């Protein structure tokens, strides 16, 4: 599984597609299409375009929230928030071979996601971010450390956790030292797609 995810950004389909193309051009291998409050027909269109582009670039295409849409366009999987459809339902719809990721904010969320057999967990936010409207409590490095320590205390294997929430290049090594698997980045790559190679180089 790739250690660097790009979560798409943009208020219009044109902005979204432009940012996705730039990220793919600069070497991103894992795209999560995320466009909250989008008109349904435009979201479908964007997801179809994204899946086609990802196929051309041999990149993974994950759809945020929309399980049925992910199935219809043949995406590699979905990412579900804590209040979205259950992982079990998504698994039934998509089948065993698709990637299903889930959001978490606390140790109990992470344990829930492990029990639900998520393929990876998006844990955050690391710090304040404007990308998300309803932001969960900010974790900081201490929060990640506490959660990883909590898993170790319970003798639970650390799953594939991706840090999210205004992650910068300088954050990657400290996060990996804590035991975090990878990072999901939105704003940084949207503003500066050429940073993808630098981010990848730091990833162990």
C-alpha atoms as a PDB file:
ATOM      1  CA  UNK A   1       0.000   0.000   0.000  1.00  0.00           C
ATOM      2  CA  UNK A   2       1.279   3.454  -0.931  1.00  0.00           C
ATOM      3  CA  UNK A   3       2.375   5.652   1.997  1.00  0.00           C
ATOM      4  CA  UNK A   4       1.330   8.958   0.414  1.00  0.00           C
ATOM      5  CA  UNK A   5      -2.286   9.782  -0.399  1.00  0.00           C
ATOM      6  CA  UNK A   6      -3.564  12.896  -2.129  1.00  0.00           C
ATOM      7  CA  UNK A   7      -7.057  13.982  -1.125  1.00  0.00           C
ATOM      8  CA  UNK A   8      -8.524  16.063  -3.928  1.00  0.00           C
ATOM      9  CA  UNK A   9      -9.521  19.686  -3.417  1.00  0.00           C
ATOM     10  CA  UNK A  10     -11.545  22.236  -5.338  1.00  0.00           C
ATOM     11  CA  UNK A  11     -14.901  24.008  -5.282  1.00  0.00           C
ATOM     12  CA  UNK A  12     -15.779  23.266  -8.910  1.00  0.00           C
ATOM     13  CA  UNK A  13     -15.342  20.246 -11.145  1.00  0.00           C
ATOM     14  CA  UNK A  14     -12.785  22.225 -13.174  1.00  0.00           C
ATOM     15  CA  UNK A  15     -10.686  22.998 -10.074  1.00  0.00           C
ATOM     16  CA  UNK A  16     -10.929  19.422  -8.839  1.00  0.00           C
ATOM     17  CA  UNK A  17      -9.899  17.930 -12.174  1.00  0.00           C
ATOM     18  CA  UNK A  18      -7.013  20.397 -12.604  1.00  0.00           C
ATOM     19  CA  UNK A  19      -5.591  19.587  -9.153  1.00  0.00           C
ATOM     20  CA  UNK A  20      -6.009  15.837  -9.694  1.00  0.00           C
ATOM     21  CA  UNK A  21      -4.229  16.005 -13.055  1.00  0.00           C
ATOM     22  CA  UNK A  22      -1.351  18.020 -11.558  1.00  0.00           C
ATOM     23  CA  UNK A  23      -0.961  15.558  -8.679  1.00  0.00           C
ATOM     24  CA  UNK A  24      -0.892  12.603 -11.075  1.00  0.00           C
ATOM     25  CA  UNK A  25       1.526  14.419 -13.397  1.00  0.00           C
ATOM     26  CA  UNK A  26       3.853  14.892 -10.431  1.00  0.00           C
ATOM     27  CA  UNK A  27       3.819  11.239  -9.447  1.00  0.00           C
ATOM     28  CA  UNK A  28       0.990  10.656  -6.981  1.00  0.00           C
ATOM     29  CA  UNK A  29       0.053   6.972  -6.892  1.00  0.00           C
ATOM     30  CA  UNK A  30      -2.919   7.126  -4.537  1.00  0.00           C
ATOM     31  CA  UNK A  31      -5.810   9.522  -5.076  1.00  0.00           C
ATOM     32  CA  UNK A  32      -8.834   9.966  -2.863  1.00  0.00           C
ATOM     33  CA  UNK A  33     -11.591  11.882  -4.664  1.00  0.00           C
ATOM     34  CA  UNK A  34     -13.216  14.084  -2.042  1.00  0.00           C
ATOM     35  CA  UNK A  35     -15.719  16.758  -3.014  1.00  0.00           C
ATOM     36  CA  UNK A  36     -18.248  17.542  -0.308  1.00  0.00           C
ATOM     37  CA  UNK A  37     -21.535  19.242  -1.249  1.00  0.00           C
ATOM     38  CA  UNK A  38     -20.974  18.578  -4.954  1.00  0.00           C
ATOM     39  CA  UNK A  39     -23.888  18.437  -7.412  1.00  0.00           C
ATOM     40  CA  UNK A  40     -24.532  14.709  -7.892  1.00  0.00           C
ATOM     41  CA  UNK A  41     -24.109  14.632 -11.667  1.00  0.00           C
ATOM     42  CA  UNK A  42     -20.846  16.582 -11.451  1.00  0.00           C
ATOM     43  CA  UNK A  43     -19.511  14.308  -8.702  1.00  0.00           C
ATOM     44  CA  UNK A  44     -20.269  11.249 -10.833  1.00  0.00           C
ATOM     45  CA  UNK A  45     -18.553  12.908 -13.785  1.00  0.00           C
ATOM     46  CA  UNK A  46     -15.482  13.809 -11.694  1.00  0.00           C
ATOM     47  CA  UNK A  47     -15.201  10.289 -10.293  1.00  0.00           C
ATOM     48  CA  UNK A  48     -15.423   8.778 -13.780  1.00  0.00           C
ATOM     49  CA  UNK A  49     -12.729  11.153 -15.057  1.00  0.00           C
ATOM     50  CA  UNK A  50     -10.542  10.447 -11.996  1.00  0.00           C
ATOM     51  CA  UNK A  51     -10.831   6.681 -12.366  1.00  0.00           C
ATOM     52  CA  UNK A  52      -9.898   6.938 -16.056  1.00  0.00           C
ATOM     53  CA  UNK A  53      -6.897   9.165 -15.266  1.00  0.00           C
ATOM     54  CA  UNK A  54      -5.745   6.887 -12.444  1.00  0.00           C
ATOM     55  CA  UNK A  55      -5.895   3.911 -14.798  1.00  0.00           C
ATOM     56  CA  UNK A  56      -3.706   5.782 -17.287  1.00  0.00           C
ATOM     57  CA  UNK A  57      -1.210   6.722 -14.561  1.00  0.00           C
ATOM     58  CA  UNK A  58      -1.420   3.307 -12.865  1.00  0.00           C
ATOM     59  CA  UNK A  59      -2.561   4.967  -9.662  1.00  0.00           C
ATOM     60  CA  UNK A  60      -5.070   3.854  -7.034  1.00  0.00           C
ATOM     61  CA  UNK A  61      -8.433   5.671  -7.109  1.00  0.00           C
ATOM     62  CA  UNK A  62     -10.432   5.810  -3.871  1.00  0.00           C
ATOM     63  CA  UNK A  63     -13.808   7.554  -3.571  1.00  0.00           C
ATOM     64  CA  UNK A  64     -14.720   9.420  -0.377  1.00  0.00           C
ATOM     65  CA  UNK A  65     -18.094   8.369   1.131  1.00  0.00           C
ATOM     66  CA  UNK A  66     -19.920   7.118  -1.968  1.00  0.00           C
ATOM     67  CA  UNK A  67     -19.838   3.317  -1.903  1.00  0.00           C
ATOM     68  CA  UNK A  68     -22.271   2.658  -4.748  1.00  0.00           C
ATOM     69  CA  UNK A  69     -20.547   5.199  -6.990  1.00  0.00           C
ATOM     70  CA  UNK A  70     -17.168   3.579  -6.265  1.00  0.00           C
ATOM     71  CA  UNK A  71     -18.631   0.241  -7.324  1.00  0.00           C
ATOM     72  CA  UNK A  72     -20.207   1.614 -10.497  1.00  0.00           C
ATOM     73  CA  UNK A  73     -17.040   3.266 -11.801  1.00  0.00           C
ATOM     74  CA  UNK A  74     -14.760   0.399 -10.779  1.00  0.00           C
ATOM     75  CA  UNK A  75     -12.716   2.407  -8.275  1.00  0.00           C
ATOM     76  CA  UNK A  76     -10.182   0.575  -6.118  1.00  0.00           C
ATOM     77  CA  UNK A  77     -12.172   1.359  -2.990  1.00  0.00           C
ATOM     78  CA  UNK A  78     -13.740   3.905  -0.645  1.00  0.00           C
ATOM     79  CA  UNK A  79     -12.923   5.980   2.400  1.00  0.00           C
ATOM     80  CA  UNK A  80     -15.651   6.267   5.029  1.00  0.00           C
ATOM     81  CA  UNK A  81     -16.068   8.764   7.852  1.00  0.00           C
ATOM     82  CA  UNK A  82     -17.260   7.722  11.311  1.00  0.00           C
ATOM     83  CA  UNK A  83     -20.819   8.777  10.473  1.00  0.00           C
ATOM     84  CA  UNK A  84     -20.939   7.265   6.982  1.00  0.00           C
ATOM     85  CA  UNK A  85     -22.114   3.818   5.985  1.00  0.00           C
ATOM     86  CA  UNK A  86     -20.692   0.938   7.971  1.00  0.00           C
ATOM     87  CA  UNK A  87     -17.530  -0.802   6.836  1.00  0.00           C
ATOM     88  CA  UNK A  88     -19.449  -4.092   6.809  1.00  0.00           C
ATOM     89  CA  UNK A  89     -22.087  -2.739   4.415  1.00  0.00           C
ATOM     90  CA  UNK A  90     -19.395  -1.284   2.161  1.00  0.00           C
ATOM     91  CA  UNK A  91     -17.574  -4.625   2.130  1.00  0.00           C
ATOM     92  CA  UNK A  92     -20.772  -6.408   1.126  1.00  0.00           C
ATOM     93  CA  UNK A  93     -21.315  -3.953  -1.715  1.00  0.00           C
ATOM     94  CA  UNK A  94     -17.744  -3.788  -2.986  1.00  0.00           C
ATOM     95  CA  UNK A  95     -16.447  -7.294  -2.261  1.00  0.00           C
ATOM     96  CA  UNK A  96     -13.381  -8.581  -0.457  1.00  0.00           C
ATOM     97  CA  UNK A  97     -10.762  -7.287  -2.878  1.00  0.00           C
ATOM     98  CA  UNK A  98     -11.527  -3.571  -2.672  1.00  0.00           C
ATOM     99  CA  UNK A  99      -9.752  -1.160  -0.324  1.00  0.00           C
ATOM    100  CA  UNK A 100     -11.885   0.264   2.470  1.00  0.00           C
ATOM    101  CA  UNK A 101     -10.434   2.990   4.649  1.00  0.00           C
ATOM    102  CA  UNK A 102     -12.009   4.580   7.690  1.00  0.00           C
ATOM    103  CA  UNK A 103     -11.609   7.809   9.628  1.00  0.00           C
ATOM    104  CA  UNK A 104     -10.657   7.836  13.323  1.00  0.00           C
ATOM    105  CA  UNK A 105      -9.912  10.486  15.956  1.00  0.00           C
ATOM    106  CA  UNK A 106      -9.443   8.547  19.210  1.00  0.00           C
ATOM    107  CA  UNK A 107      -7.977   5.272  20.468  1.00  0.00           C
ATOM    108  CA  UNK A 108     -11.472   3.775  20.713  1.00  0.00           C
ATOM    109  CA  UNK A 109     -12.159   4.836  17.091  1.00  0.00           C
ATOM    110  CA  UNK A 110      -8.948   3.115  15.976  1.00  0.00           C
ATOM    111  CA  UNK A 111      -9.863  -0.092  17.838  1.00  0.00           C
ATOM    112  CA  UNK A 112     -13.346   0.065  16.295  1.00  0.00           C
ATOM    113  CA  UNK A 113     -11.818   0.405  12.824  1.00  0.00           C
ATOM    114  CA  UNK A 114      -9.463  -2.524  13.476  1.00  0.00           C
ATOM    115  CA  UNK A 115     -12.411  -4.660  14.594  1.00  0.00           C
ATOM    116  CA  UNK A 116     -14.295  -3.633  11.442  1.00  0.00           C
ATOM    117  CA  UNK A 117     -11.351  -4.906   9.354  1.00  0.00           C
ATOM    118  CA  UNK A 118     -10.558  -1.579   7.701  1.00  0.00           C
ATOM    119  CA  UNK A 119      -7.652  -1.818   5.265  1.00  0.00           C
ATOM    120  CA  UNK A 120      -6.227   1.458   6.554  1.00  0.00           C
ATOM    121  CA  UNK A 121      -7.176   4.189   9.007  1.00  0.00           C
ATOM    122  CA  UNK A 122      -7.088   7.952   8.423  1.00  0.00           C
ATOM    123  CA  UNK A 123      -6.284   9.324  11.875  1.00  0.00           C
ATOM    124  CA  UNK A 124      -6.351  13.000  12.628  1.00  0.00           C
ATOM    125  CA  UNK A 125      -6.284  15.863  12.499  1.00  0.00           C
ATOM    126  CA  UNK A 126      -2.608  16.448  13.240  1.00  0.00           C
ATOM    127  CA  UNK A 127      -3.320  20.173  13.480  1.00  0.00           C
ATOM    128  CA  UNK A 128      -6.041  22.633  12.511  1.00  0.00           C
ATOM    129  CA  UNK A 129      -7.114  22.445   8.876  1.00  0.00           C
ATOM    130  CA  UNK A 130      -9.598  24.465   6.840  1.00  0.00           C
ATOM    131  CA  UNK A 131     -10.162  21.527   4.481  1.00  0.00           C
ATOM    132  CA  UNK A 132     -12.692  19.910   6.792  1.00  0.00           C
ATOM    133  CA  UNK A 133     -15.909  21.629   7.889  1.00  0.00           C
ATOM    134  CA  UNK A 134     -16.601  19.619  11.062  1.00  0.00           C
ATOM    135  CA  UNK A 135     -13.147  19.200  12.514  1.00  0.00           C
ATOM    136  CA  UNK A 136     -12.524  16.607  15.235  1.00  0.00           C
ATOM    137  CA  UNK A 137     -10.292  17.538  18.195  1.00  0.00           C
ATOM    138  CA  UNK A 138      -6.706  18.232  17.072  1.00  0.00           C
ATOM    139  CA  UNK A 139      -4.303  15.418  18.045  1.00  0.00           C
ATOM    140  CA  UNK A 140      -0.820  16.878  17.582  1.00  0.00           C
ATOM    141  CA  UNK A 141       2.168  14.534  17.743  1.00  0.00           C
ATOM    142  CA  UNK A 142       1.349  13.771  21.390  1.00  0.00           C
ATOM    143  CA  UNK A 143      -2.089  12.494  20.422  1.00  0.00           C
ATOM    144  CA  UNK A 144      -0.668  10.082  17.863  1.00  0.00           C
ATOM    145  CA  UNK A 145       1.932   8.874  20.372  1.00  0.00           C
ATOM    146  CA  UNK A 146      -0.754   8.270  23.003  1.00  0.00           C
ATOM    147  CA  UNK A 147      -2.881   6.277  20.572  1.00  0.00           C
ATOM    148  CA  UNK A 148       0.036   4.125  19.401  1.00  0.00           C
ATOM    149  CA  UNK A 149       1.094   3.572  23.055  1.00  0.00           C
ATOM    150  CA  UNK A 150      -2.504   2.649  23.878  1.00  0.00           C
ATOM    151  CA  UNK A 151      -2.533  -0.010  21.153  1.00  0.00           C
ATOM    152  CA  UNK A 152       0.792  -1.409  22.382  1.00  0.00           C
ATOM    153  CA  UNK A 153      -0.512  -1.565  25.970  1.00  0.00           C
ATOM    154  CA  UNK A 154      -3.446  -3.643  24.740  1.00  0.00           C
ATOM    155  CA  UNK A 155      -1.081  -5.837  22.662  1.00  0.00           C
ATOM    156  CA  UNK A 156      -2.868  -4.780  19.473  1.00  0.00           C
ATOM    157  CA  UNK A 157      -0.812  -4.749  16.285  1.00  0.00           C
ATOM    158  CA  UNK A 158      -0.509  -1.229  14.921  1.00  0.00           C
ATOM    159  CA  UNK A 159      -2.583  -1.038  11.723  1.00  0.00           C
ATOM    160  CA  UNK A 160      -1.803   1.021   8.622  1.00  0.00           C
ATOM    161  CA  UNK A 161      -2.505   4.488  10.011  1.00  0.00           C
ATOM    162  CA  UNK A 162      -2.336   7.595   7.836  1.00  0.00           C
ATOM    163  CA  UNK A 163      -1.906  10.963   9.539  1.00  0.00           C
ATOM    164  CA  UNK A 164      -4.135  13.699   8.164  1.00  0.00           C
ATOM    165  CA  UNK A 165      -4.704  17.402   8.810  1.00  0.00           C
ATOM    166  CA  UNK A 166      -2.287  20.063   7.541  1.00  0.00           C
ATOM    167  CA  UNK A 167       0.609  17.602   7.326  1.00  0.00           C
ATOM    168  CA  UNK A 168       3.890  19.158   6.136  1.00  0.00           C
ATOM    169  CA  UNK A 169       7.106  17.687   4.771  1.00  0.00           C
ATOM    170  CA  UNK A 170       8.819  18.157   8.143  1.00  0.00           C
ATOM    171  CA  UNK A 171       6.118  16.134   9.932  1.00  0.00           C
ATOM    172  CA  UNK A 172       6.739  12.869   8.107  1.00  0.00           C
ATOM    173  CA  UNK A 173       9.818  11.574   9.925  1.00  0.00           C
ATOM    174  CA  UNK A 174       8.477  12.344  13.438  1.00  0.00           C
ATOM    175  CA  UNK A 175       5.190  10.636  12.524  1.00  0.00           C
ATOM    176  CA  UNK A 176       6.965   7.570  11.181  1.00  0.00           C
ATOM    177  CA  UNK A 177       9.100   7.391  14.313  1.00  0.00           C
ATOM    178  CA  UNK A 178       5.871   7.239  16.332  1.00  0.00           C
ATOM    179  CA  UNK A 179       4.719   4.307  14.200  1.00  0.00           C
ATOM    180  CA  UNK A 180       2.403   6.024  11.738  1.00  0.00           C
ATOM    181  CA  UNK A 181       2.384   4.239   8.370  1.00  0.00           C
ATOM    182  CA  UNK A 182       1.767   7.128   5.974  1.00  0.00           C
ATOM    183  CA  UNK A 183       0.212  10.535   5.378  1.00  0.00           C
ATOM    184  CA  UNK A 184      -2.837  11.815   3.546  1.00  0.00           C
ATOM    185  CA  UNK A 185      -2.185  15.292   2.167  1.00  0.00           C
ATOM    186  CA  UNK A 186      -4.577  17.760   0.585  1.00  0.00           C
ATOM    187  CA  UNK A 187      -3.748  21.478   0.748  1.00  0.00           C
ATOM    188  CA  UNK A 188       0.039  21.131   0.530  1.00  0.00           C
ATOM    189  CA  UNK A 189      -0.099  19.127  -2.714  1.00  0.00           C
ATOM    190  CA  UNK A 190      -2.903  21.259  -4.155  1.00  0.00           C
ATOM    191  CA  UNK A 191      -0.794  24.398  -3.699  1.00  0.00           C
ATOM    192  CA  UNK A 192       2.548  22.810  -4.590  1.00  0.00           C
ATOM    193  CA  UNK A 193       2.188  19.561  -6.590  1.00  0.00           C
ATOM    194  CA  UNK A 194       5.930  19.415  -7.254  1.00  0.00           C
ATOM    195  CA  UNK A 195       6.466  18.612  -3.558  1.00  0.00           C
ATOM    196  CA  UNK A 196       5.207  15.056  -4.153  1.00  0.00           C
ATOM    197  CA  UNK A 197       8.682  13.763  -5.007  1.00  0.00           C
ATOM    198  CA  UNK A 198      10.149  15.315  -1.866  1.00  0.00           C
ATOM    199  CA  UNK A 199       7.394  13.792   0.257  1.00  0.00           C
ATOM    200  CA  UNK A 200       8.024  10.379  -1.290  1.00  0.00           C
ATOM    201  CA  UNK A 201      11.772  10.582  -0.665  1.00  0.00           C
ATOM    202  CA  UNK A 202      11.230  11.176   3.050  1.00  0.00           C
ATOM    203  CA  UNK A 203       8.850   8.224   3.322  1.00  0.00           C
ATOM    204  CA  UNK A 204      10.729   5.179   4.590  1.00  0.00           C
END
